Structures are given as C-alpha cells and as structure tokens.
C-alpha atoms as a PDB file:
ATOM      1  CA  MET A   1      36.061 283.408 258.428  1.00  0.00           C
ATOM      2  CA  GLN A   2      38.876 281.314 256.920  1.00  0.00           C
ATOM      3  CA  VAL A   3      39.519 284.067 254.370  1.00  0.00           C
ATOM      4  CA  ALA A   4      39.809 286.573 257.206  1.00  0.00           C
ATOM      5  CA  MET A   5      42.319 284.383 259.035  1.00  0.00           C
ATOM      6  CA  ALA A   6      44.386 283.885 255.871  1.00  0.00           C
ATOM      7  CA  LEU A   7      44.511 287.629 255.257  1.00  0.00           C
ATOM      8  CA  THR A   8      45.419 288.241 258.883  1.00  0.00           C
ATOM      9  CA  GLY A   9      48.280 285.768 258.490  1.00  0.00           C
ATOM     10  CA  LEU A  10      49.482 287.774 255.516  1.00  0.00           C
ATOM     11  CA  CYS A  11      49.440 290.934 257.590  1.00  0.00           C
ATOM     12  CA  ILE A  12      51.787 289.453 260.143  1.00  0.00           C
ATOM     13  CA  GLY A  13      54.370 288.562 257.502  1.00  0.00           C
ATOM     14  CA  HIS A  14      56.601 291.563 257.125  1.00  0.00           C
ATOM     15  CA  SER A  15      57.230 290.807 253.464  1.00  0.00           C
ATOM     16  CA  LEU A  16      54.332 293.207 252.840  1.00  0.00           C
ATOM     17  CA  ALA A  17      56.489 296.136 253.856  1.00  0.00           C
ATOM     18  CA  ARG A  18      57.984 298.131 250.991  1.00  0.00           C
ATOM     19  CA  MET A  19      61.182 299.837 252.005  1.00  0.00           C
ATOM     20  CA  LYS A  20      62.138 302.329 249.321  1.00  0.00           C
ATOM     21  CA  VAL A  21      64.405 305.242 248.618  1.00  0.00           C
ATOM     22  CA  SER A  22      62.136 308.285 248.523  1.00  0.00           C
ATOM     23  CA  GLU A  23      64.762 310.995 248.023  1.00  0.00           C
ATOM     24  CA  VAL A  24      68.375 311.020 246.956  1.00  0.00           C
ATOM     25  CA  SER A  25      70.647 314.017 246.478  1.00  0.00           C
ATOM     26  CA  PRO A  26      74.307 314.713 247.266  1.00  0.00           C
ATOM     27  CA  ASP A  27      73.248 316.200 250.627  1.00  0.00           C
ATOM     28  CA  ARG A  28      70.629 313.712 251.764  1.00  0.00           C
ATOM     29  CA  LEU A  29      69.223 310.252 251.335  1.00  0.00           C
ATOM     30  CA  ILE A  30      65.779 309.406 252.681  1.00  0.00           C
ATOM     31  CA  ILE A  31      64.466 305.861 252.988  1.00  0.00           C
ATOM     32  CA  ASP A  32      60.832 305.220 253.855  1.00  0.00           C
ATOM     33  CA  ASP A  33      59.058 302.089 254.984  1.00  0.00           C
ATOM     34  CA  ILE A  34      55.337 302.830 255.078  1.00  0.00           C
ATOM     35  CA  PRO A  35      53.151 299.754 255.641  1.00  0.00           C
ATOM     36  CA  TRP A  36      50.164 300.814 253.514  1.00  0.00           C
ATOM     37  CA  VAL A  37      49.322 297.288 252.376  1.00  0.00           C
ATOM     38  CA  ARG A  38      49.645 295.723 255.822  1.00  0.00           C
ATOM     39  CA  GLY A  39      47.586 298.438 257.509  1.00  0.00           C
ATOM     40  CA  THR A  40      44.907 298.329 254.818  1.00  0.00           C
ATOM     41  CA  LEU A  41      44.649 294.531 255.011  1.00  0.00           C
ATOM     42  CA  ILE A  42      44.260 294.601 258.786  1.00  0.00           C
ATOM     43  CA  ILE A  43      41.507 297.210 258.513  1.00  0.00           C
ATOM     44  CA  LEU A  44      39.717 295.281 255.740  1.00  0.00           C
ATOM     45  CA  VAL A  45      39.860 291.990 257.642  1.00  0.00           C
ATOM     46  CA  THR A  46      38.573 293.717 260.774  1.00  0.00           C
ATOM     47  CA  LEU A  47      35.697 295.293 258.836  1.00  0.00           C
ATOM     48  CA  PHE A  48      34.876 291.951 257.189  1.00  0.00           C
ATOM     49  CA  VAL A  49      34.547 290.268 260.588  1.00  0.00           C
ATOM     50  CA  VAL A  50      32.599 293.233 262.049  1.00  0.00           C
ATOM     51  CA  PHE A  51      30.114 293.014 259.161  1.00  0.00           C
ATOM     52  CA  ALA A  52      29.831 289.263 259.762  1.00  0.00           C
ATOM     53  CA  GLY A  53      29.010 290.060 263.385  1.00  0.00           C
ATOM     54  CA  PHE A  54      26.350 292.557 262.336  1.00  0.00           C
ATOM     55  CA  ARG A  55      24.865 289.906 260.050  1.00  0.00           C
ATOM     56  CA  GLU A  56      24.597 287.605 263.053  1.00  0.00           C
ATOM     57  CA  LEU A  57      22.932 290.395 265.046  1.00  0.00           C
ATOM     58  CA  ASN A  58      20.432 291.029 262.236  1.00  0.00           C
ATOM     59  CA  ALA A  59      19.613 287.313 262.252  1.00  0.00           C
ATOM     60  CA  GLY A  60      18.738 287.635 265.950  1.00  0.00           C
ATOM     61  CA  ARG A  61      21.791 285.793 267.291  1.00  0.00           C
ATOM     62  CA  ALA A  62      23.433 287.256 270.400  1.00  0.00           C
ATOM     63  CA  LEU A  63      26.788 285.842 269.264  1.00  0.00           C
ATOM     64  CA  GLY A  64      26.982 288.852 266.932  1.00  0.00           C
ATOM     65  CA  HIS A  65      27.886 291.141 269.865  1.00  0.00           C
ATOM     66  CA  THR A  66      30.847 288.943 270.746  1.00  0.00           C
ATOM     67  CA  ILE A  67      32.001 288.809 267.131  1.00  0.00           C
ATOM     68  CA  VAL A  68      31.814 292.595 266.694  1.00  0.00           C
ATOM     69  CA  VAL A  69      33.607 293.385 269.967  1.00  0.00           C
ATOM     70  CA  GLY A  70      36.185 290.636 269.383  1.00  0.00           C
ATOM     71  CA  ALA A  71      36.895 291.844 265.843  1.00  0.00           C
ATOM     72  CA  VAL A  72      37.374 295.436 266.961  1.00  0.00           C
ATOM     73  CA  VAL A  73      39.641 294.447 269.862  1.00  0.00           C
ATOM     74  CA  VAL A  74      41.726 291.938 267.895  1.00  0.00           C
ATOM     75  CA  GLY A  75      41.863 294.137 264.787  1.00  0.00           C
ATOM     76  CA  GLY A  76      42.934 297.134 266.842  1.00  0.00           C
ATOM     77  CA  LEU A  77      45.577 295.064 268.605  1.00  0.00           C
ATOM     78  CA  PHE A  78      46.941 293.740 265.297  1.00  0.00           C
ATOM     79  CA  PHE A  79      47.011 297.273 263.874  1.00  0.00           C
ATOM     80  CA  ALA A  80      48.830 298.591 266.934  1.00  0.00           C
ATOM     81  CA  LEU A  81      51.399 295.787 266.931  1.00  0.00           C
ATOM     82  CA  PHE A  82      52.096 295.387 263.215  1.00  0.00           C
ATOM     83  CA  VAL A  83      51.754 298.829 261.646  1.00  0.00           C
ATOM     84  CA  GLU A  84      54.932 300.814 262.156  1.00  0.00           C
ATOM     85  CA  ARG A  85      56.373 303.482 259.879  1.00  0.00           C
ATOM     86  CA  TYR A  86      60.121 303.844 259.550  1.00  0.00           C
ATOM     87  CA  GLN A  87      62.095 306.684 258.030  1.00  0.00           C
ATOM     88  CA  ILE A  88      65.877 306.695 257.780  1.00  0.00           C
ATOM     89  CA  LEU A  89      67.520 310.010 256.909  1.00  0.00           C
ATOM     90  CA  PHE A  90      71.166 310.385 255.939  1.00  0.00           C
ATOM     91  CA  LEU A  91      71.979 314.103 256.273  1.00  0.00           C
ATOM     92  CA  ARG A  92      75.451 315.033 255.026  1.00  0.00           C
ATOM     93  CA  ALA A  93      75.393 318.722 256.093  1.00  0.00           C
ATOM     94  CA  GLU A  94      74.392 317.837 259.660  1.00  0.00           C
ATOM     95  CA  GLY A  95      76.667 314.769 259.712  1.00  0.00           C
ATOM     96  CA  VAL A  96      73.945 312.500 261.101  1.00  0.00           C
ATOM     97  CA  VAL A  97      71.829 309.491 260.339  1.00  0.00           C
ATOM     98  CA  LEU A  98      68.349 309.608 261.870  1.00  0.00           C
ATOM     99  CA  ARG A  99      66.313 306.455 262.353  1.00  0.00           C
ATOM    100  CA  ARG A 100      62.691 307.374 262.989  1.00  0.00           C
ATOM    101  CA  LYS A 101      59.932 305.001 264.013  1.00  0.00           C
ATOM    102  CA  ARG A 102      56.284 305.955 264.408  1.00  0.00           C
ATOM    103  CA  SER A 103      53.425 303.739 265.563  1.00  0.00           C
ATOM    104  CA  VAL A 104      50.265 304.078 267.631  1.00  0.00           C
ATOM    105  CA  PHE A 105      52.549 303.770 270.655  1.00  0.00           C
ATOM    106  CA  GLY A 106      54.435 306.954 269.798  1.00  0.00           C
ATOM    107  CA  TYR A 107      57.510 308.310 268.085  1.00  0.00           C
ATOM    108  CA  LYS A 108      61.119 307.294 268.567  1.00  0.00           C
ATOM    109  CA  GLU A 109      64.205 308.807 266.965  1.00  0.00           C
ATOM    110  CA  GLN A 110      67.749 307.488 267.149  1.00  0.00           C
ATOM    111  CA  ARG A 111      70.765 309.525 266.009  1.00  0.00           C
ATOM    112  CA  TYR A 112      74.083 308.219 264.733  1.00  0.00           C
ATOM    113  CA  ALA A 113      77.118 310.131 263.541  1.00  0.00           C
ATOM    114  CA  LEU A 114      77.366 309.783 259.767  1.00  0.00           C
ATOM    115  CA  ALA A 115      81.161 309.600 260.045  1.00  0.00           C
ATOM    116  CA  GLN A 116      80.795 306.411 262.122  1.00  0.00           C
ATOM    117  CA  VAL A 117      78.845 304.543 259.411  1.00  0.00           C
ATOM    118  CA  SER A 118      81.200 302.424 257.321  1.00  0.00           C
ATOM    119  CA  HIS A 119      78.531 300.808 255.102  1.00  0.00           C
ATOM    120  CA  ALA A 120      75.205 298.967 255.000  1.00  0.00           C
ATOM    121  CA  GLU A 121      74.590 295.228 254.638  1.00  0.00           C
ATOM    122  CA  VAL A 122      71.763 292.767 254.296  1.00  0.00           C
ATOM    123  CA  GLU A 123      71.949 290.536 257.347  1.00  0.00           C
ATOM    124  CA  GLU A 124      70.670 287.007 256.817  1.00  0.00           C
ATOM    125  CA  LYS A 125      68.929 285.137 259.626  1.00  0.00           C
ATOM    126  CA  SER A 126      66.775 282.043 259.923  1.00  0.00           C
ATOM    127  CA  ASP A 127      63.296 281.964 261.408  1.00  0.00           C
ATOM    128  CA  SER A 128      61.983 279.157 263.631  1.00  0.00           C
ATOM    129  CA  ASP A 129      61.115 277.061 260.555  1.00  0.00           C
ATOM    130  CA  GLY A 130      64.589 277.473 259.068  1.00  0.00           C
ATOM    131  CA  ALA A 131      63.418 279.867 256.330  1.00  0.00           C
ATOM    132  CA  ARG A 132      65.832 282.607 255.326  1.00  0.00           C
ATOM    133  CA  MET A 133      64.962 286.063 256.604  1.00  0.00           C
ATOM    134  CA  TYR A 134      66.724 289.336 255.848  1.00  0.00           C
ATOM    135  CA  GLN A 135      67.263 292.617 257.644  1.00  0.00           C
ATOM    136  CA  PRO A 136      69.069 295.742 256.436  1.00  0.00           C
ATOM    137  CA  VAL A 137      71.698 296.956 258.903  1.00  0.00           C
ATOM    138  CA  LEU A 138      74.140 299.837 259.181  1.00  0.00           C
ATOM    139  CA  ILE A 139      77.688 298.930 260.155  1.00  0.00           C
ATOM    140  CA  LEU A 140      79.266 301.225 262.754  1.00  0.00           C
ATOM    141  CA  PRO A 141      82.520 299.380 263.542  1.00  0.00           C
ATOM    142  CA  ASP A 142      83.794 301.678 266.311  1.00  0.00           C
ATOM    143  CA  GLN A 143      80.549 301.784 268.299  1.00  0.00           C
ATOM    144  CA  GLU A 144      79.277 299.758 271.248  1.00  0.00           C
ATOM    145  CA  THR A 145      76.551 298.393 268.955  1.00  0.00           C
ATOM    146  CA  PRO A 146      78.363 297.851 265.639  1.00  0.00           C
ATOM    147  CA  ARG A 147      75.305 296.548 263.726  1.00  0.00           C
ATOM    148  CA  VAL A 148      72.258 298.830 263.749  1.00  0.00           C
ATOM    149  CA  PRO A 149      69.097 297.484 262.070  1.00  0.00           C
ATOM    150  CA  LEU A 150      67.283 300.012 259.881  1.00  0.00           C
ATOM    151  CA  VAL A 151      63.968 298.398 260.890  1.00  0.00           C
ATOM    152  CA  ASP A 152      63.006 296.166 263.806  1.00  0.00           C
ATOM    153  CA  TYR A 153      61.658 293.326 261.683  1.00  0.00           C
ATOM    154  CA  THR A 154      63.086 290.743 259.322  1.00  0.00           C
ATOM    155  CA  THR A 155      61.601 290.009 255.918  1.00  0.00           C
ATOM    156  CA  ASN A 156      61.639 287.087 253.531  1.00  0.00           C
ATOM    157  CA  ALA A 157      61.857 289.497 250.580  1.00  0.00           C
ATOM    158  CA  LEU A 158      65.288 290.360 249.269  1.00  0.00           C
ATOM    159  CA  ASP A 159      64.063 293.643 247.757  1.00  0.00           C
ATOM    160  CA  ILE A 160      65.841 295.410 250.618  1.00  0.00           C
ATOM    161  CA  ALA A 161      69.126 294.704 248.808  1.00  0.00           C
ATOM    162  CA  GLY A 162      68.356 297.638 246.496  1.00  0.00           C
ATOM    163  CA  VAL A 163      67.989 299.945 249.504  1.00  0.00           C
ATOM    164  CA  VAL A 164      71.295 298.717 250.939  1.00  0.00           C
ATOM    165  CA  GLU A 165      72.943 299.298 247.545  1.00  0.00           C
ATOM    166  CA  ALA A 166      71.520 302.856 247.426  1.00  0.00           C
ATOM    167  CA  ILE A 167      72.907 303.567 250.910  1.00  0.00           C
ATOM    168  CA  ASN A 168      76.360 302.299 249.977  1.00  0.00           C
ATOM    169  CA  ASP A 169      76.311 304.272 246.717  1.00  0.00           C
ATOM    170  CA  TRP A 170      75.367 307.440 248.601  1.00  0.00           C
ATOM    171  CA  LEU A 171      78.096 306.804 251.182  1.00  0.00           C
ATOM    172  CA  GLY A 172      80.617 306.235 248.373  1.00  0.00           C
ATOM    173  CA  VAL A 173      81.328 302.664 249.435  1.00  0.00           C
ATOM    174  CA  PRO A 174      82.654 300.469 246.600  1.00  0.00           C
ATOM    175  CA  GLN A 175      80.239 297.641 245.764  1.00  0.00           C
ATOM    176  CA  HIS A 176      81.357 294.108 246.492  1.00  0.00           C
ATOM    177  CA  GLY A 177      81.041 291.894 243.443  1.00  0.00           C
END
C-alpha cells in the first residue's frame, strides 16, 4: 500500500508531463503535452489496489469490497483531475494561436491572434514549500490578459525552456543571451 501511495504522489507532480514540439514548419508549429506516464501510473496504482482488494475478498475478508470500490472511485477521481491533454497550434496562414485542452470533463479551445503574440517566456513561481516551479506563457502585451499560460499547471522541470525557445524561434524573436 505504501508503494501505491508513493506512485500516486508521483502522479500528482506535474513534472511527469512531457511538453514537446511535435511539428514545425514555416506555416505551423504544434506543441503537444500528452500525459502518458501520469495516466498510466494512475491506472497501474488503481489496478494494484483493486487486486489487493480482490486478494482480501478471496481470503474471506469483507474489507475487500471497500478496498475495491475505494480504489476505483479514488483512481477514477485522480485520473479525471490529473490527466489533461494540451495542444498549442501556431497557424501562420490563419493568423491564430489555438490552445486546446482535453480531459474527461470535455474539450476547451481558446483562440488568440498570432499578430498579438510578442514572444514566449518561462515564468518562475514558488510553490507552498518555496520550491521553484515553472510555467510556459505567451506574452500578448496589448491584451487584457497579457500573460497567457500554455498549460494550466506549473512544473519543477525546466525542460519547457526548449519549447519556449522553439516558439520564439518560430515567431522570429531574437533570443536573449
């Protein structure tokens, strides 16, 4: 059970997300964030606890029912809350940036004028423990909301800097040294 809890803790940490550039051409840039590892870990932990519950049932203990139902409910809740797919599309011909988010709760798409995007940055924040967390953002200086996060979460992994660099390269923004 302690192993299951440790793995569940890993699933909550958004450092398991892998944001990557999936397509780049002069006309479009596509960035995907598909949480394969996080989703798989949640499913595996849920199955581990369900099997533990079945073992209890086979041993004649009624507690097994509670374990199985609890694992399915909690595992499903974790999956619903922590598995979200993001896709950011920069489409030069259409002059738009699309930010797409899909989860078990549905699909949401936000549109921004490409001409309004000045550049992308890695925004640094601190979590409740004071640890550094990072979030990639688009800068739209003339808009009501001048900083638009590419994803709704922060991460402790700085690998998003490569994605931000790819965005700025595609936009033709000179790199800051």
